[in-house]
Protein backbone atom coordinates (compact mmCIF):
# COMPACT_ATOMS: atom_id res chain seq x y z
CA UNK A 1 0.00 0.00 0.00
CA UNK A 2 2.82 2.43 0.88
CA UNK A 3 4.54 1.78 -2.42
CA UNK A 4 1.37 2.57 -4.33
CA UNK A 5 1.02 5.96 -2.59
CA UNK A 6 4.68 6.84 -3.41
CA UNK A 7 4.11 5.89 -7.07
CA UNK A 8 1.17 8.30 -7.30
CA UNK A 9 3.09 11.06 -5.45
CA UNK A 10 6.29 10.61 -7.49
CA UNK A 11 5.30 13.01 -10.38
CA UNK A 12 4.60 15.74 -7.86
CA UNK A 13 7.83 15.08 -6.02
CA UNK A 14 9.90 15.14 -9.28
CA UNK A 15 8.46 18.52 -10.32
CA UNK A 16 9.23 19.85 -6.85
CA UNK A 17 12.80 18.52 -7.09
CA UNK A 18 13.24 20.18 -10.50
CA UNK A 19 11.95 23.45 -9.11
CA UNK A 20 14.45 23.31 -6.23
CA UNK A 21 17.38 22.51 -8.57
CA UNK A 22 16.54 25.43 -10.87
CA UNK A 23 16.13 27.76 -7.91
CA UNK A 24 19.62 26.83 -6.70
CA UNK A 25 20.90 27.33 -10.26
CA UNK A 26 19.35 30.83 -10.32
CA UNK A 27 21.22 31.66 -7.13
CA UNK A 28 24.38 30.36 -8.88
CA UNK A 29 23.67 32.71 -11.83
CA UNK A 30 23.57 35.66 -9.44
CA UNK A 31 26.83 34.51 -7.79
CA UNK A 32 28.57 34.22 -11.19
CA UNK A 33 27.33 37.66 -12.20
CA UNK A 34 28.73 39.11 -8.98
CA UNK A 35 32.09 37.39 -9.57
CA UNK A 36 32.30 38.78 -13.13
CA UNK A 37 31.41 42.25 -11.85
CA UNK A 38 34.26 42.05 -9.34
CA UNK A 39 36.67 41.05 -12.13
CA UNK A 40 35.46 43.97 -14.26
CA UNK A 41 36.00 46.47 -11.45
CA UNK A 42 39.41 44.99 -10.69
CA UNK A 43 40.43 45.39 -14.32
CA UNK A 44 39.25 49.00 -14.36
CA UNK A 45 40.51 50.18 -10.99
CA UNK A 46 43.46 47.90 -10.22
CA UNK A 47 44.62 46.96 -13.70
CA UNK A 48 43.97 43.24 -13.32
CA UNK A 49 44.63 41.03 -16.31
CA UNK A 50 41.57 38.74 -16.59
CA UNK A 51 42.30 35.57 -18.64
CA UNK A 52 39.39 34.36 -20.81
CA UNK A 53 39.52 30.95 -19.12
CA UNK A 54 38.99 32.55 -15.73
CA UNK A 55 36.03 34.59 -17.00
CA UNK A 56 34.42 31.51 -18.59
CA UNK A 57 34.95 29.42 -15.47
CA UNK A 58 33.44 32.15 -13.28
CA UNK A 59 30.37 32.38 -15.55
CA UNK A 60 29.72 28.62 -15.69
CA UNK A 61 30.70 27.57 -12.20
CA UNK A 62 27.87 29.29 -10.33
CA UNK A 63 24.88 27.81 -12.25
CA UNK A 64 26.48 24.36 -12.49
CA UNK A 65 27.29 24.15 -8.81
CA UNK A 66 23.84 25.47 -7.88
CA UNK A 67 21.96 22.99 -10.10
CA UNK A 68 23.97 20.00 -8.85
CA UNK A 69 23.48 21.07 -5.24
CA UNK A 70 19.72 21.41 -5.84
CA UNK A 71 19.50 17.95 -7.36
CA UNK A 72 21.28 16.35 -4.44
CA UNK A 73 19.12 18.26 -1.97
CA UNK A 74 16.23 15.74 -2.22
CA UNK A 75 12.59 16.56 -1.64
CA UNK A 76 10.69 14.57 1.03
CA UNK A 77 7.52 12.52 0.34
CA UNK A 78 5.75 14.48 3.03
CA UNK A 79 6.33 17.71 1.06
CA UNK A 80 4.63 16.14 -1.98
CA UNK A 81 1.72 14.92 0.21
CA UNK A 82 1.32 18.36 1.76
CA UNK A 83 1.25 19.94 -1.69
CA UNK A 84 -1.49 17.56 -2.89
CA UNK A 85 -3.56 18.10 0.27
CA UNK A 86 -3.25 21.87 -0.07
CA UNK A 87 -4.20 21.95 -3.77
CA UNK A 88 -7.22 19.67 -3.58
CA UNK A 89 -8.34 20.62 -0.05
CA UNK A 90 -8.07 17.10 1.31
CA UNK A 91 -7.49 18.20 4.88
CA UNK A 92 -4.21 16.31 5.28
CA UNK A 93 -5.68 12.97 4.16
CA UNK A 94 -2.59 12.06 2.09
CA UNK A 95 -0.15 13.22 4.81
CA UNK A 96 -2.12 11.24 7.45
CA UNK A 97 -2.05 8.12 5.27
CA UNK A 98 1.73 8.37 5.03
CA UNK A 99 1.97 8.60 8.79
CA UNK A 100 -0.31 5.56 9.24
CA UNK A 101 1.79 3.53 6.81
CA UNK A 102 4.85 4.27 8.90
CA UNK A 103 3.26 2.62 11.91
CA UNK A 104 3.95 -1.07 12.50
CA UNK A 105 0.70 -1.92 14.32
CA UNK A 106 -1.95 -0.68 11.91
CA UNK A 107 -5.65 -0.94 12.73
CA UNK A 108 -8.80 -1.13 10.62
CA UNK A 109 -9.22 2.62 10.93
CA UNK A 110 -5.73 3.15 9.58
CA UNK A 111 -6.42 0.91 6.61
CA UNK A 112 -9.66 2.74 5.86
CA UNK A 113 -7.83 6.10 5.94
CA UNK A 114 -5.13 4.79 3.56
CA UNK A 115 -7.77 3.40 1.17
CA UNK A 116 -9.58 6.75 1.18
CA UNK A 117 -6.28 8.52 0.37
CA UNK A 118 -5.72 6.13 -2.54
CA UNK A 119 -9.08 7.00 -4.06
CA UNK A 120 -8.21 10.68 -3.96
CA UNK A 121 -4.74 10.13 -5.43
CA UNK A 122 -6.22 8.53 -8.53
CA UNK A 123 -7.41 11.93 -9.74
CA UNK A 124 -4.21 13.88 -8.84
CA UNK A 125 -2.59 15.81 -11.71
CA UNK A 126 1.05 16.76 -10.96
CA UNK A 127 0.90 19.75 -13.37
CA UNK A 128 -1.97 21.21 -11.41
CA UNK A 129 -0.35 20.60 -8.01
CA UNK A 130 2.99 22.13 -9.16
CA UNK A 131 1.96 24.45 -12.02
CA UNK A 132 5.54 25.34 -13.00
CA UNK A 133 8.85 23.63 -12.42
CA UNK A 134 10.76 26.84 -13.34
CA UNK A 135 11.27 29.50 -10.65
CA UNK A 136 10.35 33.10 -11.42
CA UNK A 137 13.82 34.16 -10.26
CA UNK A 138 15.60 32.30 -13.07
CA UNK A 139 15.11 34.82 -15.95
CA UNK A 140 16.41 37.68 -13.80
CA UNK A 141 19.40 35.61 -12.76
CA UNK A 142 20.21 34.73 -16.40
CA UNK A 143 19.84 38.38 -17.41
CA UNK A 144 22.20 39.53 -14.65
CA UNK A 145 24.84 37.05 -15.81
CA UNK A 146 24.47 38.16 -19.43
CA UNK A 147 24.91 41.81 -18.41
CA UNK A 148 28.02 40.96 -16.36
CA UNK A 149 29.51 39.06 -19.30
CA UNK A 150 28.83 41.97 -21.67
CA UNK A 151 30.43 44.43 -19.26
CA UNK A 152 33.51 42.28 -18.98
CA UNK A 153 33.84 41.64 -22.71
CA UNK A 154 32.86 44.92 -24.36
CA UNK A 155 34.01 47.55 -21.88
CA UNK A 156 37.60 48.73 -22.30
CA UNK A 157 39.44 49.92 -19.20
CA UNK A 158 41.45 53.15 -19.41
CA UNK A 159 44.94 52.54 -20.69
CA UNK A 160 47.58 53.20 -18.10
CA UNK A 161 51.01 54.10 -19.29
CA UNK A 162 53.05 51.89 -17.00
CA UNK A 163 56.32 52.44 -18.82
CA UNK A 164 58.98 53.96 -16.56
CA UNK A 165 60.03 57.53 -17.12
CA UNK A 166 63.21 58.23 -19.05
CA UNK A 167 66.44 58.52 -17.03
CA UNK A 168 67.10 62.03 -15.72
CA UNK A 169 69.95 63.79 -17.46
CA UNK A 170 71.52 65.08 -14.25
CA UNK A 171 71.43 61.60 -12.70
CA UNK A 172 73.00 60.00 -15.77
CA UNK A 173 75.66 62.72 -15.92
CA UNK A 174 76.46 62.27 -12.23
CA UNK A 175 76.70 58.50 -12.64
CA UNK A 176 79.05 58.87 -15.62
CA UNK A 177 81.19 61.33 -13.71
CA UNK A 178 81.48 59.01 -10.71
CA UNK A 179 82.20 56.05 -13.01
CA UNK A 180 85.06 57.99 -14.62
CA UNK A 181 86.58 58.73 -11.22
CA UNK A 182 86.11 55.06 -10.25
CA UNK A 183 88.53 53.89 -12.98
CA UNK A 184 91.59 54.88 -10.93
CA UNK A 185 90.32 52.89 -7.94
CA UNK A 186 89.56 49.95 -10.23
CA UNK A 187 93.08 50.09 -11.66
CA UNK A 188 94.55 50.12 -8.14
CA UNK A 189 92.51 47.04 -7.18
CA UNK A 190 93.66 45.24 -10.33
CA UNK A 191 97.33 46.09 -9.76
CA UNK A 192 97.35 45.19 -6.06
CA UNK A 193 94.92 42.26 -6.46
CA UNK A 194 93.08 43.31 -3.33
CA UNK A 195 89.80 41.32 -3.11
CA UNK A 196 88.21 43.71 -0.63
CA UNK A 197 88.80 46.74 -2.86
CA UNK A 198 87.63 44.76 -5.90
CA UNK A 199 84.39 43.95 -4.07
CA UNK A 200 83.84 47.63 -3.26
CA UNK A 201 84.53 48.61 -6.88
CA UNK A 202 82.01 46.06 -8.16
CA UNK A 203 79.36 47.27 -5.71
CA UNK A 204 79.92 50.88 -6.76
CA UNK A 205 79.76 50.01 -10.45
CA UNK A 206 76.50 48.13 -9.94
CA UNK A 207 74.98 51.03 -7.99
CA UNK A 208 76.03 53.52 -10.68
CA UNK A 209 74.46 51.35 -13.39
CA UNK A 210 71.23 51.20 -11.38
CA UNK A 211 71.19 55.00 -11.25
CA UNK A 212 71.07 55.12 -15.06
CA UNK A 213 67.97 52.90 -15.25
CA UNK A 214 64.65 54.47 -16.34
CA UNK A 215 62.34 55.50 -13.53
CA UNK A 216 65.07 56.51 -11.04
CA UNK A 217 64.07 59.85 -9.55
CA UNK A 218 66.25 62.41 -7.81
CA UNK A 219 65.41 61.17 -4.33
CA UNK A 220 66.41 57.59 -5.17
CA UNK A 221 69.60 58.81 -6.86
CA UNK A 222 70.55 60.86 -3.79
CA UNK A 223 69.92 57.82 -1.58
CA UNK A 224 72.22 55.64 -3.71
CA UNK A 225 74.94 58.31 -3.71
CA UNK A 226 74.73 58.58 0.08
CA UNK A 227 74.94 54.80 0.41
CA UNK A 228 78.06 54.69 -1.75
CA UNK A 229 79.60 57.51 0.28
CA UNK A 230 78.99 55.57 3.47
CA UNK A 231 80.75 52.49 2.05
CA UNK A 232 83.79 54.55 1.04
CA UNK A 233 83.99 56.31 4.40
CA UNK A 234 83.87 53.00 6.26
CA UNK A 235 86.71 51.68 4.11
CA UNK A 236 88.76 54.83 4.79
CA UNK A 237 88.32 54.44 8.54
CA UNK A 238 89.72 50.89 8.34
CA UNK A 239 93.08 52.06 6.95
CA UNK A 240 94.16 53.92 10.14
CA UNK A 241 96.73 55.92 8.16
CA UNK A 242 97.34 58.67 10.70
CA UNK A 243 98.47 56.40 13.55
CA UNK A 244 100.88 54.40 11.36
CA UNK A 245 102.31 57.62 9.88
CA UNK A 246 103.08 58.94 13.34
CA UNK A 247 104.73 55.66 14.36
CA UNK A 248 106.89 55.55 11.23
CA UNK A 249 107.92 59.17 11.78
CA UNK A 250 108.94 58.34 15.35
CA UNK A 251 111.08 55.42 14.14
CA UNK A 252 112.56 57.69 11.47
CA UNK A 253 113.49 60.31 14.06
CA UNK A 254 115.25 57.61 16.09
CA UNK A 255 117.20 56.30 13.08
CA UNK A 256 118.19 59.83 12.03
CA UNK A 257 120.30 60.20 15.19
CA UNK A 258 122.99 58.14 13.45
CA UNK A 259 124.66 59.62 10.35
CA UNK A 260 124.82 56.20 8.68
CA UNK A 261 121.04 55.85 8.88
CA UNK A 262 120.17 59.55 8.59
CA UNK A 263 119.01 59.32 4.95
CA UNK A 264 116.52 56.53 5.66
CA UNK A 265 115.42 58.19 8.91
CA UNK A 266 114.76 61.53 7.21
CA UNK A 267 112.78 59.81 4.45
CA UNK A 268 110.58 58.10 7.07
CA UNK A 269 110.14 61.34 9.02
CA UNK A 270 109.07 63.23 5.89
CA UNK A 271 106.65 60.47 4.79
CA UNK A 272 108.68 59.58 1.69
CA UNK A 273 107.82 55.95 2.24
CA UNK A 274 108.96 54.40 -1.03
CA UNK A 275 112.31 56.16 -0.80
CA UNK A 276 112.60 55.15 2.85
CA UNK A 277 111.94 51.50 1.95
CA UNK A 278 114.66 51.60 -0.70
CA UNK A 279 117.15 53.19 1.69
CA UNK A 280 116.33 50.71 4.45
CA UNK A 281 116.96 47.75 2.15
CA UNK A 282 120.43 49.13 1.38
CA UNK A 283 121.49 49.58 5.00
CA UNK A 284 123.90 47.36 6.88
CA UNK A 285 124.65 47.23 10.59
CA UNK A 286 126.41 50.59 11.27
CA UNK A 287 129.35 51.14 13.59
CA UNK A 288 128.17 53.70 16.18
CA UNK A 289 129.74 55.30 19.19
CA UNK A 290 128.50 54.18 22.55
CA UNK A 291 126.36 57.25 23.36
CA UNK A 292 124.63 57.34 19.96
CA UNK A 293 123.95 53.59 20.04
CA UNK A 294 122.55 53.84 23.55
CA UNK A 295 120.28 56.77 22.64
CA UNK A 296 118.90 54.99 19.53
CA UNK A 297 118.33 51.69 21.35
CA UNK A 298 116.51 53.33 24.26
CA UNK A 299 114.26 55.28 21.90
CA UNK A 300 113.49 52.20 19.76
CA UNK A 301 112.70 50.08 22.81
CA UNK A 302 110.29 52.73 24.11
CA UNK A 303 108.62 52.94 20.69
CA UNK A 304 108.32 49.14 20.52
CA UNK A 305 106.48 49.08 23.84
CA UNK A 306 104.14 51.93 22.83
CA UNK A 307 103.34 50.28 19.47
CA UNK A 308 102.66 46.95 21.13
CA UNK A 309 100.17 48.62 23.46
CA UNK A 310 98.44 50.40 20.56
CA UNK A 311 98.06 47.17 18.56
CA UNK A 312 100.73 47.74 15.88
CA UNK A 313 102.44 44.39 16.30
CA UNK A 314 104.38 44.47 13.01
CA UNK A 315 105.96 47.87 13.67
CA UNK A 316 106.59 46.90 17.28
CA UNK A 317 108.44 43.78 16.13
CA UNK A 318 110.46 45.82 13.61
CA UNK A 319 111.48 48.39 16.22
CA UNK A 320 112.35 45.61 18.67
CA UNK A 321 114.55 43.81 16.12
CA UNK A 322 116.35 47.05 15.25
CA UNK A 323 116.97 47.83 18.91
CA UNK A 324 118.34 44.37 19.73
CA UNK A 325 120.32 44.14 16.50
CA UNK A 326 122.25 47.35 17.19
CA UNK A 327 124.21 45.50 19.85
CA UNK A 328 126.05 43.52 17.18
CA UNK A 329 123.49 40.99 15.92
CA UNK A 330 123.61 41.80 12.19
CA UNK A 331 120.98 39.23 11.16
CA UNK A 332 118.50 40.54 13.75
CA UNK A 333 119.19 44.10 12.62
CA UNK A 334 118.71 43.13 8.95
CA UNK A 335 115.45 41.40 9.81
CA UNK A 336 114.19 44.55 11.52
CA UNK A 337 115.16 46.64 8.47
CA UNK A 338 113.28 44.21 6.22
CA UNK A 339 110.17 44.41 8.39
CA UNK A 340 110.34 48.18 8.52
CA UNK A 341 110.78 48.43 4.74
CA UNK A 342 107.76 46.18 4.19
CA UNK A 343 105.71 48.24 6.65
CA UNK A 344 106.75 51.40 4.78
CA UNK A 345 105.66 49.99 1.42
CA UNK A 346 102.37 48.74 2.88
CA UNK A 347 101.75 52.14 4.40
CA UNK A 348 102.48 53.76 1.05
CA UNK A 349 99.84 51.54 -0.58
CA UNK A 350 97.36 52.30 2.18
CA UNK A 351 97.91 56.03 1.76
CA UNK A 352 97.43 55.73 -1.99
CA UNK A 353 94.23 53.76 -1.45
CA UNK A 354 93.02 56.29 1.12
CA UNK A 355 93.65 59.15 -1.31
CA UNK A 356 91.76 57.33 -4.06
CA UNK A 357 88.84 56.60 -1.70
CA UNK A 358 88.78 60.24 -0.61
CA UNK A 359 88.78 61.46 -4.21
CA UNK A 360 85.95 59.09 -5.05
CA UNK A 361 84.03 60.22 -1.97
CA UNK A 362 84.52 63.89 -2.90
CA UNK A 363 83.31 63.14 -6.43
CA UNK A 364 80.15 61.52 -5.05
CA UNK A 365 79.63 64.54 -2.81
CA UNK A 366 79.83 66.84 -5.85
CA UNK A 367 77.38 64.59 -7.71
CA UNK A 368 74.98 64.86 -4.78
CA UNK A 369 75.28 68.63 -4.96
CA UNK A 370 74.38 68.58 -8.67
CA UNK A 371 71.35 66.39 -8.02
CA UNK A 372 70.21 68.57 -5.11
CA UNK A 373 70.49 71.69 -7.29
CA UNK A 374 68.40 69.98 -9.95
CA UNK A 375 65.86 69.04 -7.28
CA UNK A 376 65.52 72.72 -6.38
CA UNK A 377 64.93 73.57 -10.03
CA UNK A 378 62.20 70.94 -10.30
CA UNK A 379 60.40 72.40 -7.28
CA UNK A 380 60.86 75.92 -8.65
CA UNK A 381 57.84 75.79 -10.96
CA UNK A 382 55.88 78.67 -12.48
CA UNK A 383 52.75 76.62 -13.16
CA UNK A 384 49.47 76.94 -11.31
CA UNK A 385 48.59 74.58 -8.51
CA UNK A 386 50.79 72.00 -6.89
CA UNK A 387 52.28 71.72 -3.43
CA UNK A 388 55.68 73.28 -4.24
CA UNK A 389 56.65 76.91 -4.28
CA UNK A 390 56.74 78.58 -7.68
CA UNK A 391 58.24 81.43 -9.63
CA UNK A 392 55.03 83.15 -10.62
CA UNK A 393 54.78 86.92 -10.18
CA UNK A 394 51.79 89.05 -9.26
CA UNK A 395 52.24 91.32 -12.30
CA UNK A 396 52.38 94.50 -10.23
CA UNK A 397 54.98 96.79 -11.73
CA UNK A 398 56.87 99.41 -9.72
CA UNK A 399 55.34 102.88 -9.82
CA UNK A 400 57.20 106.17 -10.06
CA UNK A 401 59.74 106.93 -7.37
CA UNK A 402 58.41 108.96 -4.45
CA UNK A 403 60.06 112.40 -4.41
CA UNK A 404 62.18 113.48 -1.45
CA UNK A 405 60.71 116.03 0.93
CA UNK A 406 62.38 118.29 3.53
CA UNK A 407 64.63 120.52 1.39
CA UNK A 408 67.92 118.82 2.21
CA UNK A 409 71.05 120.19 0.54
CA UNK A 410 74.51 118.78 0.22
CA UNK A 411 77.67 120.89 0.19
CA UNK A 412 81.36 120.03 0.06
CA UNK A 413 83.86 121.89 2.29
CA UNK A 414 87.49 122.34 1.24
CA UNK A 415 90.41 123.48 3.39
CA UNK A 416 94.08 124.41 3.11
CA UNK A 417 97.10 123.34 5.08
CA UNK A 418 98.85 125.83 7.40
CA UNK A 419 101.10 125.86 10.45
CA UNK A 420 98.47 127.54 12.61
CA UNK A 421 95.85 125.95 14.77
CA UNK A 422 95.74 123.56 17.69
CA UNK A 423 97.57 120.24 17.44
CA UNK A 424 97.97 117.23 19.70
CA UNK A 425 101.11 115.10 19.97
CA UNK A 426 101.06 111.60 21.37
CA UNK A 427 104.25 109.67 22.07
CA UNK A 428 103.75 105.91 21.81
CA UNK A 429 107.28 104.83 22.87
CA UNK A 430 110.18 106.57 24.47
CA UNK A 431 113.79 105.69 23.48
CA UNK A 432 114.06 103.69 26.66
CA UNK A 433 110.90 101.75 25.79
CA UNK A 434 112.11 101.00 22.28
CA UNK A 435 115.18 99.23 23.70
CA UNK A 436 113.20 97.12 26.18
CA UNK A 437 112.84 94.29 23.67
CA UNK A 438 116.58 94.26 23.07
CA UNK A 439 117.30 93.93 26.77
CA UNK A 440 114.72 91.14 27.14
CA UNK A 441 116.20 89.37 24.15
CA UNK A 442 119.70 89.42 25.63
CA UNK A 443 118.42 88.17 29.01
CA UNK A 444 116.55 85.29 27.33
CA UNK A 445 119.61 84.38 25.31
CA UNK A 446 121.79 84.16 28.42
CA UNK A 447 119.17 82.03 30.18
CA UNK A 448 118.71 79.44 27.45
CA UNK A 449 122.41 79.36 26.58
CA UNK A 450 123.12 78.16 30.12
CA UNK A 451 120.36 75.53 29.88
CA UNK A 452 121.71 74.19 26.58
CA UNK A 453 125.23 73.96 27.95
CA UNK A 454 123.95 71.98 30.92
CA UNK A 455 122.08 69.58 28.64
CA UNK A 456 125.08 69.10 26.35
CA UNK A 457 127.19 68.13 29.33
CA UNK A 458 124.67 65.74 30.91
CA UNK A 459 122.70 64.08 28.05
CA UNK A 460 124.04 61.43 25.56
CA UNK A 461 123.64 63.65 22.45
CA UNK A 462 125.54 62.65 19.27
CA UNK A 463 128.50 64.78 18.28
CA UNK A 464 126.85 66.03 15.11
CA UNK A 465 123.86 67.29 17.04
CA UNK A 466 126.07 68.94 19.65
CA UNK A 467 127.78 70.95 16.95
CA UNK A 468 124.41 71.95 15.44
CA UNK A 469 123.16 73.26 18.82
CA UNK A 470 126.31 75.30 19.38
CA UNK A 471 126.10 76.80 15.90
CA UNK A 472 122.49 77.79 16.55
CA UNK A 473 123.27 79.68 19.75
CA UNK A 474 126.28 81.30 18.09
CA UNK A 475 124.05 82.57 15.29
CA UNK A 476 121.50 84.19 17.62
CA UNK A 477 124.02 85.64 20.11
CA UNK A 478 123.69 89.46 20.43
CA UNK A 479 126.76 91.36 19.22
CA UNK A 480 128.76 93.64 21.48
CA UNK A 481 127.89 96.68 19.32
CA UNK A 482 124.17 96.10 19.89
CA UNK A 483 124.77 95.81 23.63
CA UNK A 484 126.79 99.05 23.76
CA UNK A 485 124.09 100.88 21.81
CA UNK A 486 121.38 99.79 24.23
CA UNK A 487 123.45 100.81 27.23
CA UNK A 488 124.24 104.21 25.70
CA UNK A 489 120.58 105.03 24.96
CA UNK A 490 119.33 103.97 28.37
CA UNK A 491 121.87 105.93 30.43
């Protein structure tokens, strides 16, 4: 009996299922239309590139997914029974019969109710119960999808010129100028085969090439120039040229105390490092007098300790070898000379590198100045609007000059020279005052002459230096005629 009722309700249930599937498909049409509208707006406002496959998939996916979901969302037999009862006014006879069939212990009353429902189902027409299996929403949904497709296909977004702007002339000129200055640093790195300098040169070349690329504005160019300057300044600080120069000069002053090593010592003291290295390589262990040897050894030992404390181990070792070798160890002395010559050549290379880095840094600074001047010109606009200051004028011309009032007159007075009239005489120095400097000079000479004589007698000064000091004081000694003149004036 239950199967017979389901067979008669099946046409109604199938039309209801079709109506649900098409309703879900209509919702899918609306969803696809919304997705295509989003793609259209994205192409217009954000410049999206919409592939045709994506547009086709978005248009077909919504209805297909909705229809399939509606088909799998099955209608219940009770819904079909309720529809039949409502259309024919059967007062839930069909629904009640379905409930009675579900019971296991049916009675005679139940069977009578089911038989009555069967008689009414014989005249049921599914087309009357469900007049249409197409939802009213479907045409609107299809129309919305068609409109979205037309908007996507036939509307053309505004063309955006995304090509980068041409390179700025001032930036390209600055990059070329810096690249020309960089050639000397590149040549130094190639000659010395210094990997660290080669790395810096490659980084600078790459940054300069990036400055020439289209789309680089003045602000970005200035930032790159500042970055390159920072790299060069850091490399300069690593060289520590000043400290090594001072240490080499101190060693040179110590070696210059001996006449045999005076040429090399003077070259070190005057920062002629290549010449000093050549002279040092020629030297042999000199024969010195006891006082000179003692003075040089003490000074070199003190310098070795100071250099060791400051972290200059190579120079400290060279000074130590020279000091110990002066006692008669020729091989130790030669080793110290070799170390000192190598340190001199290394310092010469460091100074050359420092000069090249400084020149490159100065060139970048000048390039920054050119770019900053160009930036001022760009801001100095005479057009209307904008957020920068301009060069526009109000157009108000200057009127006629206001005449002077008050009747002022100018007159020139001339005079003639005569011996009459009041005069004032002021004496700035008397004859005694003019000779005060001479007396002070003589007193100072006597004072320091005594001090020098005491030092010459007590300190281990080489003979050549002793003679130089005596010649100096002999040259500045006041003559007897000058002394007599001062005494005569001041009587």
